[in-house]
Amino acid sequence: MPPKPPVQEDTLKTERIQIERKTFIFTLKENPRGRFLRITEDVNGRRDNVIIPATGLDEFKKILDAMVQASAEIPPKDPDQQPL
């Protein structure tokens, strides 16, 4: 089976944040199938990606907001908990 031809992707916006030893890159992209958010985690050159279709971004944000709120409200079990 021949390899699939590369799909043209246009970058619409990119943001980068550093948290402890990890770098997260958020890239809003668009291709012929639609828009999507690519979240790349870079740890010492090792990269992992998550792709979220734009149609799911509102739901993704709701869950992320709920996790941020829970993290602020629920005290850690171990105050000396090591970061990831």
PDB file of N, CA and C in Angstrom:
ATOM      1  N   MET A   1       0.849  -1.180   0.000  1.00  0.00           N
ATOM      2  CA  MET A   1       0.000   0.000   0.000  1.00  0.00           C
ATOM      3  C   MET A   1       0.892   1.240   0.000  1.00  0.00           C
ATOM      4  N   PRO A   2       0.693   2.127  -0.958  1.00  0.00           N
ATOM      5  CA  PRO A   2       1.545   3.332  -1.013  1.00  0.00           C
ATOM      6  C   PRO A   2       1.219   4.280   0.140  1.00  0.00           C
ATOM      7  N   PRO A   3       2.218   5.059   0.583  1.00  0.00           N
ATOM      8  CA  PRO A   3       1.964   6.004   1.686  1.00  0.00           C
ATOM      9  C   PRO A   3       0.984   7.092   1.254  1.00  0.00           C
ATOM     10  N   LYS A   4       0.232   7.579   2.239  1.00  0.00           N
ATOM     11  CA  LYS A   4      -0.715   8.659   1.965  1.00  0.00           C
ATOM     12  C   LYS A   4       0.052   9.941   1.672  1.00  0.00           C
ATOM     13  N   PRO A   5      -0.443  10.739   0.729  1.00  0.00           N
ATOM     14  CA  PRO A   5       0.229  12.023   0.474  1.00  0.00           C
ATOM     15  C   PRO A   5       0.028  12.951   1.672  1.00  0.00           C
ATOM     16  N   PRO A   6       0.989  13.827   1.937  1.00  0.00           N
ATOM     17  CA  PRO A   6       0.840  14.743   3.073  1.00  0.00           C
ATOM     18  C   PRO A   6      -0.350  15.689   2.855  1.00  0.00           C
ATOM     19  N   VAL A   7      -1.023  15.994   3.960  1.00  0.00           N
ATOM     20  CA  VAL A   7      -2.170  16.907   3.918  1.00  0.00           C
ATOM     21  C   VAL A   7      -1.668  18.311   4.230  1.00  0.00           C
ATOM     22  N   GLN A   8      -2.054  19.275   3.407  1.00  0.00           N
ATOM     23  CA  GLN A   8      -1.668  20.661   3.630  1.00  0.00           C
ATOM     24  C   GLN A   8      -2.364  21.185   4.881  1.00  0.00           C
ATOM     25  N   GLU A   9      -1.589  21.672   5.846  1.00  0.00           N
ATOM     26  CA  GLU A   9      -2.124  22.258   7.073  1.00  0.00           C
ATOM     27  C   GLU A   9      -1.664  23.699   7.176  1.00  0.00           C
ATOM     28  N   ASP A  10      -2.591  24.593   7.486  1.00  0.00           N
ATOM     29  CA  ASP A  10      -2.256  25.999   7.707  1.00  0.00           C
ATOM     30  C   ASP A  10      -2.301  26.273   9.203  1.00  0.00           C
ATOM     31  N   THR A  11      -1.272  26.935   9.721  1.00  0.00           N
ATOM     32  CA  THR A  11      -1.230  27.315  11.124  1.00  0.00           C
ATOM     33  C   THR A  11      -1.923  28.660  11.289  1.00  0.00           C
ATOM     34  N   LEU A  12      -2.916  28.708  12.176  1.00  0.00           N
ATOM     35  CA  LEU A  12      -3.683  29.926  12.409  1.00  0.00           C
ATOM     36  C   LEU A  12      -3.191  30.689  13.631  1.00  0.00           C
ATOM     37  N   LYS A  13      -2.748  29.951  14.660  1.00  0.00           N
ATOM     38  CA  LYS A  13      -2.251  30.594  15.887  1.00  0.00           C
ATOM     39  C   LYS A  13      -1.441  29.573  16.672  1.00  0.00           C
ATOM     40  N   THR A  14      -0.376  30.037  17.327  1.00  0.00           N
ATOM     41  CA  THR A  14       0.463  29.172  18.156  1.00  0.00           C
ATOM     42  C   THR A  14       0.785  29.877  19.460  1.00  0.00           C
ATOM     43  N   GLU A  15       0.706  29.147  20.550  1.00  0.00           N
ATOM     44  CA  GLU A  15       1.107  29.630  21.878  1.00  0.00           C
ATOM     45  C   GLU A  15       1.965  28.553  22.525  1.00  0.00           C
ATOM     46  N   ARG A  16       2.949  28.988  23.289  1.00  0.00           N
ATOM     47  CA  ARG A  16       3.874  28.060  23.958  1.00  0.00           C
ATOM     48  C   ARG A  16       3.959  28.432  25.434  1.00  0.00           C
ATOM     49  N   ILE A  17       3.923  27.392  26.307  1.00  0.00           N
ATOM     50  CA  ILE A  17       4.118  27.627  27.735  1.00  0.00           C
ATOM     51  C   ILE A  17       5.107  26.604  28.285  1.00  0.00           C
ATOM     52  N   GLN A  18       5.876  27.036  29.269  1.00  0.00           N
ATOM     53  CA  GLN A  18       6.834  26.177  29.960  1.00  0.00           C
ATOM     54  C   GLN A  18       6.290  25.942  31.360  1.00  0.00           C
ATOM     55  N   ILE A  19       6.108  24.679  31.745  1.00  0.00           N
ATOM     56  CA  ILE A  19       5.653  24.313  33.082  1.00  0.00           C
ATOM     57  C   ILE A  19       6.630  23.276  33.609  1.00  0.00           C
ATOM     58  N   GLU A  20       7.374  23.685  34.630  1.00  0.00           N
ATOM     59  CA  GLU A  20       8.430  22.842  35.195  1.00  0.00           C
ATOM     60  C   GLU A  20       9.362  22.411  34.078  1.00  0.00           C
ATOM     61  N   ARG A  21       9.550  21.117  33.848  1.00  0.00           N
ATOM     62  CA  ARG A  21      10.504  20.677  32.817  1.00  0.00           C
ATOM     63  C   ARG A  21       9.833  20.379  31.482  1.00  0.00           C
ATOM     64  N   LYS A  22       8.546  20.708  31.373  1.00  0.00           N
ATOM     65  CA  LYS A  22       7.795  20.411  30.156  1.00  0.00           C
ATOM     66  C   LYS A  22       7.453  21.689  29.401  1.00  0.00           C
ATOM     67  N   THR A  23       7.471  21.585  28.075  1.00  0.00           N
ATOM     68  CA  THR A  23       7.010  22.660  27.215  1.00  0.00           C
ATOM     69  C   THR A  23       5.748  22.171  26.520  1.00  0.00           C
ATOM     70  N   PHE A  24       4.716  23.010  26.546  1.00  0.00           N
ATOM     71  CA  PHE A  24       3.475  22.694  25.852  1.00  0.00           C
ATOM     72  C   PHE A  24       3.287  23.705  24.729  1.00  0.00           C
ATOM     73  N   ILE A  25       2.991  23.197  23.544  1.00  0.00           N
ATOM     74  CA  ILE A  25       2.773  24.049  22.379  1.00  0.00           C
ATOM     75  C   ILE A  25       1.339  23.818  21.912  1.00  0.00           C
ATOM     76  N   PHE A  26       0.564  24.898  21.883  1.00  0.00           N
ATOM     77  CA  PHE A  26      -0.823  24.842  21.435  1.00  0.00           C
ATOM     78  C   PHE A  26      -0.874  25.473  20.051  1.00  0.00           C
ATOM     79  N   THR A  27      -1.285  24.699  19.048  1.00  0.00           N
ATOM     80  CA  THR A  27      -1.304  25.194  17.682  1.00  0.00           C
ATOM     81  C   THR A  27      -2.689  24.976  17.082  1.00  0.00           C
ATOM     82  N   LEU A  28      -3.355  26.079  16.737  1.00  0.00           N
ATOM     83  CA  LEU A  28      -4.624  26.005  16.033  1.00  0.00           C
ATOM     84  C   LEU A  28      -4.307  25.905  14.553  1.00  0.00           C
ATOM     85  N   LYS A  29      -4.798  24.835  13.928  1.00  0.00           N
ATOM     86  CA  LYS A  29      -4.484  24.577  12.521  1.00  0.00           C
ATOM     87  C   LYS A  29      -5.767  24.351  11.733  1.00  0.00           C
ATOM     88  N   GLU A  30      -5.590  24.364  10.425  1.00  0.00           N
ATOM     89  CA  GLU A  30      -6.717  24.099   9.532  1.00  0.00           C
ATOM     90  C   GLU A  30      -6.204  23.307   8.342  1.00  0.00           C
ATOM     91  N   ASN A  31      -6.986  22.317   7.924  1.00  0.00           N
ATOM     92  CA  ASN A  31      -6.684  21.569   6.718  1.00  0.00           C
ATOM     93  C   ASN A  31      -7.996  21.369   5.953  1.00  0.00           C
ATOM     94  N   PRO A  32      -7.994  20.695   4.818  1.00  0.00           N
ATOM     95  CA  PRO A  32      -9.229  20.553   4.050  1.00  0.00           C
ATOM     96  C   PRO A  32     -10.376  19.886   4.829  1.00  0.00           C
ATOM     97  N   ARG A  33     -10.067  19.126   5.876  1.00  0.00           N
ATOM     98  CA  ARG A  33     -11.120  18.473   6.660  1.00  0.00           C
ATOM     99  C   ARG A  33     -11.656  19.359   7.773  1.00  0.00           C
ATOM    100  N   GLY A  34     -11.010  20.492   8.073  1.00  0.00           N
ATOM    101  CA  GLY A  34     -11.509  21.397   9.100  1.00  0.00           C
ATOM    102  C   GLY A  34     -10.410  21.937  10.003  1.00  0.00           C
ATOM    103  N   ARG A  35     -10.843  22.594  11.086  1.00  0.00           N
ATOM    104  CA  ARG A  35      -9.909  23.164  12.068  1.00  0.00           C
ATOM    105  C   ARG A  35      -9.732  22.210  13.234  1.00  0.00           C
ATOM    106  N   PHE A  36      -8.546  22.319  13.859  1.00  0.00           N
ATOM    107  CA  PHE A  36      -8.245  21.465  15.003  1.00  0.00           C
ATOM    108  C   PHE A  36      -7.157  22.116  15.844  1.00  0.00           C
ATOM    109  N   LEU A  37      -7.107  21.702  17.082  1.00  0.00           N
ATOM    110  CA  LEU A  37      -6.065  22.150  18.003  1.00  0.00           C
ATOM    111  C   LEU A  37      -5.104  21.002  18.218  1.00  0.00           C
ATOM    112  N   ARG A  38      -3.827  21.252  17.968  1.00  0.00           N
ATOM    113  CA  ARG A  38      -2.786  20.263  18.255  1.00  0.00           C
ATOM    114  C   ARG A  38      -2.073  20.727  19.521  1.00  0.00           C
ATOM    115  N   ILE A  39      -2.058  19.874  20.535  1.00  0.00           N
ATOM    116  CA  ILE A  39      -1.326  20.153  21.765  1.00  0.00           C
ATOM    117  C   ILE A  39      -0.117  19.231  21.769  1.00  0.00           C
ATOM    118  N   THR A  40       1.064  19.836  21.781  1.00  0.00           N
ATOM    119  CA  THR A  40       2.314  19.075  21.775  1.00  0.00           C
ATOM    120  C   THR A  40       2.987  19.240  23.126  1.00  0.00           C
ATOM    121  N   GLU A  41       3.366  18.120  23.727  1.00  0.00           N
ATOM    122  CA  GLU A  41       4.134  18.117  24.970  1.00  0.00           C
ATOM    123  C   GLU A  41       5.568  17.747  24.594  1.00  0.00           C
ATOM    124  N   ASP A  42       6.511  18.593  24.964  1.00  0.00           N
ATOM    125  CA  ASP A  42       7.922  18.343  24.670  1.00  0.00           C
ATOM    126  C   ASP A  42       8.670  18.238  25.989  1.00  0.00           C
ATOM    127  N   VAL A  43       9.275  17.066  26.225  1.00  0.00           N
ATOM    128  CA  VAL A  43      10.084  16.844  27.414  1.00  0.00           C
ATOM    129  C   VAL A  43      11.451  16.368  26.940  1.00  0.00           C
ATOM    130  N   ASN A  44      12.427  17.263  27.027  1.00  0.00           N
ATOM    131  CA  ASN A  44      13.798  16.928  26.618  1.00  0.00           C
ATOM    132  C   ASN A  44      13.864  16.343  25.208  1.00  0.00           C
ATOM    133  N   GLY A  45      13.115  16.924  24.274  1.00  0.00           N
ATOM    134  CA  GLY A  45      13.161  16.479  22.888  1.00  0.00           C
ATOM    135  C   GLY A  45      12.186  15.373  22.539  1.00  0.00           C
ATOM    136  N   ARG A  46      11.574  14.754  23.530  1.00  0.00           N
ATOM    137  CA  ARG A  46      10.563  13.715  23.263  1.00  0.00           C
ATOM    138  C   ARG A  46       9.210  14.407  23.159  1.00  0.00           C
ATOM    139  N   ARG A  47       8.529  14.188  22.037  1.00  0.00           N
ATOM    140  CA  ARG A  47       7.266  14.897  21.789  1.00  0.00           C
ATOM    141  C   ARG A  47       6.095  13.930  21.700  1.00  0.00           C
ATOM    142  N   ASP A  48       4.991  14.337  22.314  1.00  0.00           N
ATOM    143  CA  ASP A  48       3.717  13.635  22.203  1.00  0.00           C
ATOM    144  C   ASP A  48       2.667  14.654  21.794  1.00  0.00           C
ATOM    145  N   ASN A  49       1.703  14.221  20.987  1.00  0.00           N
ATOM    146  CA  ASN A  49       0.674  15.116  20.470  1.00  0.00           C
ATOM    147  C   ASN A  49      -0.723  14.622  20.822  1.00  0.00           C
ATOM    148  N   VAL A  50      -1.611  15.574  21.017  1.00  0.00           N
ATOM    149  CA  VAL A  50      -3.044  15.318  21.135  1.00  0.00           C
ATOM    150  C   VAL A  50      -3.714  16.240  20.130  1.00  0.00           C
ATOM    151  N   ILE A  51      -4.646  15.694  19.359  1.00  0.00           N
ATOM    152  CA  ILE A  51      -5.369  16.482  18.365  1.00  0.00           C
ATOM    153  C   ILE A  51      -6.833  16.551  18.801  1.00  0.00           C
ATOM    154  N   ILE A  52      -7.374  17.777  18.866  1.00  0.00           N
ATOM    155  CA  ILE A  52      -8.768  17.979  19.245  1.00  0.00           C
ATOM    156  C   ILE A  52      -9.459  18.716  18.102  1.00  0.00           C
ATOM    157  N   PRO A  53     -10.475  18.102  17.487  1.00  0.00           N
ATOM    158  CA  PRO A  53     -11.212  18.809  16.440  1.00  0.00           C
ATOM    159  C   PRO A  53     -11.854  20.075  17.010  1.00  0.00           C
ATOM    160  N   ALA A  54     -11.903  21.124  16.215  1.00  0.00           N
ATOM    161  CA  ALA A  54     -12.463  22.400  16.665  1.00  0.00           C
ATOM    162  C   ALA A  54     -13.891  22.241  17.165  1.00  0.00           C
ATOM    163  N   THR A  55     -14.628  21.274  16.629  1.00  0.00           N
ATOM    164  CA  THR A  55     -16.009  21.065  17.062  1.00  0.00           C
ATOM    165  C   THR A  55     -16.092  20.616  18.520  1.00  0.00           C
ATOM    166  N   GLY A  56     -14.998  20.121  19.089  1.00  0.00           N
ATOM    167  CA  GLY A  56     -14.993  19.663  20.472  1.00  0.00           C
ATOM    168  C   GLY A  56     -14.310  20.606  21.442  1.00  0.00           C
ATOM    169  N   LEU A  57     -13.840  21.768  20.974  1.00  0.00           N
ATOM    170  CA  LEU A  57     -13.068  22.660  21.843  1.00  0.00           C
ATOM    171  C   LEU A  57     -13.884  23.225  23.004  1.00  0.00           C
ATOM    172  N   ASP A  58     -15.156  23.552  22.776  1.00  0.00           N
ATOM    173  CA  ASP A  58     -15.976  24.072  23.884  1.00  0.00           C
ATOM    174  C   ASP A  58     -16.124  23.028  24.988  1.00  0.00           C
ATOM    175  N   GLU A  59     -16.404  21.794  24.620  1.00  0.00           N
ATOM    176  CA  GLU A  59     -16.548  20.723  25.615  1.00  0.00           C
ATOM    177  C   GLU A  59     -15.216  20.454  26.309  1.00  0.00           C
ATOM    178  N   PHE A  60     -14.125  20.483  25.541  1.00  0.00           N
ATOM    179  CA  PHE A  60     -12.796  20.297  26.111  1.00  0.00           C
ATOM    180  C   PHE A  60     -12.509  21.384  27.151  1.00  0.00           C
ATOM    181  N   LYS A  61     -12.845  22.620  26.833  1.00  0.00           N
ATOM    182  CA  LYS A  61     -12.626  23.743  27.750  1.00  0.00           C
ATOM    183  C   LYS A  61     -13.452  23.583  29.022  1.00  0.00           C
ATOM    184  N   LYS A  62     -14.697  23.137  28.894  1.00  0.00           N
ATOM    185  CA  LYS A  62     -15.544  22.924  30.077  1.00  0.00           C
ATOM    186  C   LYS A  62     -14.909  21.916  31.027  1.00  0.00           C
ATOM    187  N   ILE A  63     -14.414  20.817  30.468  1.00  0.00           N
ATOM    188  CA  ILE A  63     -13.782  19.787  31.305  1.00  0.00           C
ATOM    189  C   ILE A  63     -12.487  20.317  31.899  1.00  0.00           C
ATOM    190  N   LEU A  64     -11.698  21.034  31.129  1.00  0.00           N
ATOM    191  CA  LEU A  64     -10.451  21.599  31.637  1.00  0.00           C
ATOM    192  C   LEU A  64     -10.734  22.598  32.757  1.00  0.00           C
ATOM    193  N   ASP A  65     -11.743  23.464  32.575  1.00  0.00           N
ATOM    194  CA  ASP A  65     -12.121  24.410  33.630  1.00  0.00           C
ATOM    195  C   ASP A  65     -12.541  23.677  34.901  1.00  0.00           C
ATOM    196  N   ALA A  66     -13.290  22.578  34.763  1.00  0.00           N
ATOM    197  CA  ALA A  66     -13.717  21.793  35.927  1.00  0.00           C
ATOM    198  C   ALA A  66     -12.515  21.174  36.636  1.00  0.00           C
ATOM    199  N   MET A  67     -11.512  20.737  35.881  1.00  0.00           N
ATOM    200  CA  MET A  67     -10.306  20.152  36.478  1.00  0.00           C
ATOM    201  C   MET A  67      -9.485  21.209  37.212  1.00  0.00           C
ATOM    202  N   VAL A  68      -9.398  22.416  36.646  1.00  0.00           N
ATOM    203  CA  VAL A  68      -8.682  23.517  37.307  1.00  0.00           C
ATOM    204  C   VAL A  68      -9.376  23.857  38.623  1.00  0.00           C
ATOM    205  N   GLN A  69     -10.702  23.933  38.601  1.00  0.00           N
ATOM    206  CA  GLN A  69     -11.459  24.239  39.812  1.00  0.00           C
ATOM    207  C   GLN A  69     -11.275  23.139  40.854  1.00  0.00           C
ATOM    208  N   ALA A  70     -11.348  21.882  40.447  1.00  0.00           N
ATOM    209  CA  ALA A  70     -11.169  20.773  41.384  1.00  0.00           C
ATOM    210  C   ALA A  70      -9.765  20.792  41.987  1.00  0.00           C
ATOM    211  N   SER A  71      -8.764  21.098  41.173  1.00  0.00           N
ATOM    212  CA  SER A  71      -7.385  21.146  41.674  1.00  0.00           C
ATOM    213  C   SER A  71      -7.224  22.233  42.725  1.00  0.00           C
ATOM    214  N   ALA A  72      -7.937  23.347  42.547  1.00  0.00           N
ATOM    215  CA  ALA A  72      -7.851  24.449  43.510  1.00  0.00           C
ATOM    216  C   ALA A  72      -8.618  24.130  44.786  1.00  0.00           C
ATOM    217  N   GLU A  73      -9.691  23.357  44.688  1.00  0.00           N
ATOM    218  CA  GLU A  73     -10.557  23.102  45.832  1.00  0.00           C
ATOM    219  C   GLU A  73     -10.172  21.867  46.648  1.00  0.00           C
ATOM    220  N   ILE A  74      -9.601  20.873  46.009  1.00  0.00           N
ATOM    221  CA  ILE A  74      -9.269  19.622  46.700  1.00  0.00           C
ATOM    222  C   ILE A  74      -7.838  19.709  47.202  1.00  0.00           C
ATOM    223  N   PRO A  75      -7.634  19.618  48.522  1.00  0.00           N
ATOM    224  CA  PRO A  75      -6.259  19.703  49.032  1.00  0.00           C
ATOM    225  C   PRO A  75      -5.451  18.468  48.647  1.00  0.00           C
ATOM    226  N   PRO A  76      -4.147  18.644  48.428  1.00  0.00           N
ATOM    227  CA  PRO A  76      -3.304  17.483  48.103  1.00  0.00           C
ATOM    228  C   PRO A  76      -3.246  16.528  49.291  1.00  0.00           C
ATOM    229  N   LYS A  77      -3.167  15.222  48.988  1.00  0.00           N
ATOM    230  CA  LYS A  77      -3.061  14.206  50.039  1.00  0.00           C
ATOM    231  C   LYS A  77      -1.700  14.255  50.699  1.00  0.00           C
ATOM    232  N   ASP A  78      -0.678  14.546  49.891  1.00  0.00           N
ATOM    233  CA  ASP A  78       0.698  14.602  50.401  1.00  0.00           C
ATOM    234  C   ASP A  78       1.243  15.988  50.084  1.00  0.00           C
ATOM    235  N   PRO A  79       1.446  16.828  51.134  1.00  0.00           N
ATOM    236  CA  PRO A  79       1.930  18.190  50.882  1.00  0.00           C
ATOM    237  C   PRO A  79       3.307  18.226  50.218  1.00  0.00           C
ATOM    238  N   ASP A  80       4.070  17.150  50.319  1.00  0.00           N
ATOM    239  CA  ASP A  80       5.397  17.084  49.698  1.00  0.00           C
ATOM    240  C   ASP A  80       5.348  16.362  48.357  1.00  0.00           C
ATOM    241  N   GLN A  81       4.169  16.316  47.741  1.00  0.00           N
ATOM    242  CA  GLN A  81       3.962  15.600  46.486  1.00  0.00           C
ATOM    243  C   GLN A  81       4.935  16.124  45.425  1.00  0.00           C
ATOM    244  N   GLN A  82       5.600  15.199  44.751  1.00  0.00           N
ATOM    245  CA  GLN A  82       6.563  15.552  43.725  1.00  0.00           C
ATOM    246  C   GLN A  82       5.837  15.924  42.435  1.00  0.00           C
ATOM    247  N   PRO A  83       6.341  16.929  41.692  1.00  0.00           N
ATOM    248  CA  PRO A  83       5.731  17.280  40.410  1.00  0.00           C
ATOM    249  C   PRO A  83       5.939  16.178  39.395  1.00  0.00           C
ATOM    250  N   LEU A  84       5.082  16.131  38.389  1.00  0.00           N
ATOM    251  CA  LEU A  84       5.198  15.131  37.310  1.00  0.00           C
ATOM    252  C   LEU A  84       6.422  15.364  36.489  1.00  0.00           C
TER     253      LEU A  84
END
